[in-house]
Amino acid sequence: MGVDIITANELVVQSDGYLVSDMNGEKVMLSIENGKYYNLGQIGGRVWELMASPVSIQDMVKQLVTEYEIEPESCEQQVRHFLQKLATEGLIQVRKE
């Protein structure tokens, strides 16, 4: 089952049903539903925090560029790739704006 590419006019938000904690500055999650364990890493953890409420990829990239030394284009590409993986696992929901 493929996941469509997340478009500019869609918002992403955390899915419910995950226990999240910090381990040495990295976010780790446990799915209550399937018992799977995920390590989001430090920057992935920050992306996760930004999705506490629905947010667009553009707004997320704007925020990350102010916090980390990264070019906007590279940041957007990496964020999109990361979000696709999260969407495939069902960790996030994609909504129309």
C-alpha atoms as a PDB file:
ATOM      1  CA  MET A   1       0.000   0.000   0.000  1.00  0.00           C
ATOM      2  CA  GLY A   2       1.772   3.145  -1.200  1.00  0.00           C
ATOM      3  CA  VAL A   3       1.523   6.540   0.410  1.00  0.00           C
ATOM      4  CA  ASP A   4       1.027   9.564  -1.821  1.00  0.00           C
ATOM      5  CA  ILE A   5       3.580  12.355  -1.779  1.00  0.00           C
ATOM      6  CA  ILE A   6       2.621  14.992   0.795  1.00  0.00           C
ATOM      7  CA  THR A   7       1.696  18.177  -1.049  1.00  0.00           C
ATOM      8  CA  ALA A   8       2.200  21.828  -0.138  1.00  0.00           C
ATOM      9  CA  ASN A   9      -1.460  22.340   0.778  1.00  0.00           C
ATOM     10  CA  GLU A  10      -1.579  19.422   3.209  1.00  0.00           C
ATOM     11  CA  LEU A  11      -0.888  19.448   6.925  1.00  0.00           C
ATOM     12  CA  VAL A  12       0.852  16.732   8.905  1.00  0.00           C
ATOM     13  CA  VAL A  13       0.119  15.855  12.530  1.00  0.00           C
ATOM     14  CA  GLN A  14       1.155  13.143  14.969  1.00  0.00           C
ATOM     15  CA  SER A  15      -1.000  10.032  15.091  1.00  0.00           C
ATOM     16  CA  ASP A  16      -2.284   8.973  18.509  1.00  0.00           C
ATOM     17  CA  GLY A  17      -1.278   5.796  20.285  1.00  0.00           C
ATOM     18  CA  TYR A  18       2.458   6.235  20.813  1.00  0.00           C
ATOM     19  CA  LEU A  19       4.480   6.483  23.990  1.00  0.00           C
ATOM     20  CA  VAL A  20       7.271   8.993  23.388  1.00  0.00           C
ATOM     21  CA  SER A  21      10.271   9.667  25.595  1.00  0.00           C
ATOM     22  CA  ASP A  22      13.670  11.329  25.420  1.00  0.00           C
ATOM     23  CA  MET A  23      16.784   9.176  25.595  1.00  0.00           C
ATOM     24  CA  ASN A  24      20.078  11.092  25.532  1.00  0.00           C
ATOM     25  CA  GLY A  25      18.536  13.925  23.524  1.00  0.00           C
ATOM     26  CA  GLU A  26      16.871  11.618  20.990  1.00  0.00           C
ATOM     27  CA  LYS A  27      13.150  10.896  20.760  1.00  0.00           C
ATOM     28  CA  VAL A  28      12.146   7.258  20.961  1.00  0.00           C
ATOM     29  CA  MET A  29       8.628   5.952  20.492  1.00  0.00           C
ATOM     30  CA  LEU A  30       6.732   2.785  21.199  1.00  0.00           C
ATOM     31  CA  SER A  31       3.587   1.933  19.274  1.00  0.00           C
ATOM     32  CA  ILE A  32       0.936   0.785  21.717  1.00  0.00           C
ATOM     33  CA  GLU A  33      -0.917  -0.898  18.851  1.00  0.00           C
ATOM     34  CA  ASN A  34       1.807  -3.037  17.253  1.00  0.00           C
ATOM     35  CA  GLY A  35       4.554  -2.979  19.893  1.00  0.00           C
ATOM     36  CA  LYS A  36       7.060  -1.571  17.390  1.00  0.00           C
ATOM     37  CA  TYR A  37       9.857   0.652  18.625  1.00  0.00           C
ATOM     38  CA  TYR A  38      11.050   3.709  16.686  1.00  0.00           C
ATOM     39  CA  ASN A  39      14.096   5.924  17.234  1.00  0.00           C
ATOM     40  CA  LEU A  40      13.459   9.304  15.630  1.00  0.00           C
ATOM     41  CA  GLY A  41      16.881  10.690  16.511  1.00  0.00           C
ATOM     42  CA  GLN A  42      17.499  14.271  17.595  1.00  0.00           C
ATOM     43  CA  ILE A  43      16.327  16.196  14.525  1.00  0.00           C
ATOM     44  CA  GLY A  44      13.572  13.683  13.795  1.00  0.00           C
ATOM     45  CA  GLY A  45      12.446  14.218  17.371  1.00  0.00           C
ATOM     46  CA  ARG A  46      12.294  17.961  16.734  1.00  0.00           C
ATOM     47  CA  VAL A  47      10.225  17.352  13.593  1.00  0.00           C
ATOM     48  CA  TRP A  48       7.916  15.181  15.725  1.00  0.00           C
ATOM     49  CA  GLU A  49       7.515  18.005  18.273  1.00  0.00           C
ATOM     50  CA  LEU A  50       6.604  20.436  15.495  1.00  0.00           C
ATOM     51  CA  MET A  51       3.763  18.073  14.498  1.00  0.00           C
ATOM     52  CA  ALA A  52       2.074  18.244  17.911  1.00  0.00           C
ATOM     53  CA  SER A  53      -0.590  20.266  16.114  1.00  0.00           C
ATOM     54  CA  PRO A  54      -1.233  20.199  12.335  1.00  0.00           C
ATOM     55  CA  VAL A  55       1.559  21.970  10.443  1.00  0.00           C
ATOM     56  CA  SER A  56       2.583  22.397   6.803  1.00  0.00           C
ATOM     57  CA  ILE A  57       5.936  21.225   5.512  1.00  0.00           C
ATOM     58  CA  GLN A  58       6.791  24.846   4.583  1.00  0.00           C
ATOM     59  CA  ASP A  59       6.210  26.086   8.143  1.00  0.00           C
ATOM     60  CA  MET A  60       8.186  23.165   9.539  1.00  0.00           C
ATOM     61  CA  VAL A  61      11.121  23.867   7.200  1.00  0.00           C
ATOM     62  CA  LYS A  62      11.076  27.586   8.096  1.00  0.00           C
ATOM     63  CA  GLN A  63      11.344  26.685  11.780  1.00  0.00           C
ATOM     64  CA  LEU A  64      14.088  24.060  11.305  1.00  0.00           C
ATOM     65  CA  VAL A  65      16.218  26.392   9.165  1.00  0.00           C
ATOM     66  CA  THR A  66      16.275  28.881  12.065  1.00  0.00           C
ATOM     67  CA  GLU A  67      17.341  26.149  14.516  1.00  0.00           C
ATOM     68  CA  TYR A  68      19.888  24.179  12.459  1.00  0.00           C
ATOM     69  CA  GLU A  69      22.549  25.134   9.927  1.00  0.00           C
ATOM     70  CA  ILE A  70      20.909  23.775   6.794  1.00  0.00           C
ATOM     71  CA  GLU A  71      19.821  25.167   3.448  1.00  0.00           C
ATOM     72  CA  PRO A  72      16.017  25.411   2.994  1.00  0.00           C
ATOM     73  CA  GLU A  73      16.006  23.205  -0.148  1.00  0.00           C
ATOM     74  CA  SER A  74      18.046  20.465   1.515  1.00  0.00           C
ATOM     75  CA  CYS A  75      15.969  20.730   4.677  1.00  0.00           C
ATOM     76  CA  GLU A  76      12.696  20.400   2.775  1.00  0.00           C
ATOM     77  CA  GLN A  77      13.973  17.389   0.846  1.00  0.00           C
ATOM     78  CA  GLN A  78      15.070  15.620   4.042  1.00  0.00           C
ATOM     79  CA  VAL A  79      11.876  16.525   5.909  1.00  0.00           C
ATOM     80  CA  ARG A  80       9.714  15.221   3.040  1.00  0.00           C
ATOM     81  CA  HIS A  81      11.666  11.944   2.945  1.00  0.00           C
ATOM     82  CA  PHE A  82      11.371  11.545   6.727  1.00  0.00           C
ATOM     83  CA  LEU A  83       7.634  12.337   6.708  1.00  0.00           C
ATOM     84  CA  GLN A  84       7.025   9.796   3.932  1.00  0.00           C
ATOM     85  CA  LYS A  85       8.607   7.136   6.141  1.00  0.00           C
ATOM     86  CA  LEU A  86       6.487   8.198   9.110  1.00  0.00           C
ATOM     87  CA  ALA A  87       3.335   8.219   6.966  1.00  0.00           C
ATOM     88  CA  THR A  88       4.111   4.738   5.628  1.00  0.00           C
ATOM     89  CA  GLU A  89       4.381   3.471   9.213  1.00  0.00           C
ATOM     90  CA  GLY A  90       1.152   5.256  10.173  1.00  0.00           C
ATOM     91  CA  LEU A  91       2.947   7.480  12.681  1.00  0.00           C
ATOM     92  CA  ILE A  92       1.502  10.663  11.218  1.00  0.00           C
ATOM     93  CA  GLN A  93      -1.744  11.728   9.587  1.00  0.00           C
ATOM     94  CA  VAL A  94      -1.840  13.838   6.454  1.00  0.00           C
ATOM     95  CA  ARG A  95      -4.775  16.235   6.206  1.00  0.00           C
ATOM     96  CA  LYS A  96      -6.013  18.689   3.626  1.00  0.00           C
ATOM     97  CA  GLU A  97      -5.526  22.287   4.728  1.00  0.00           C
END
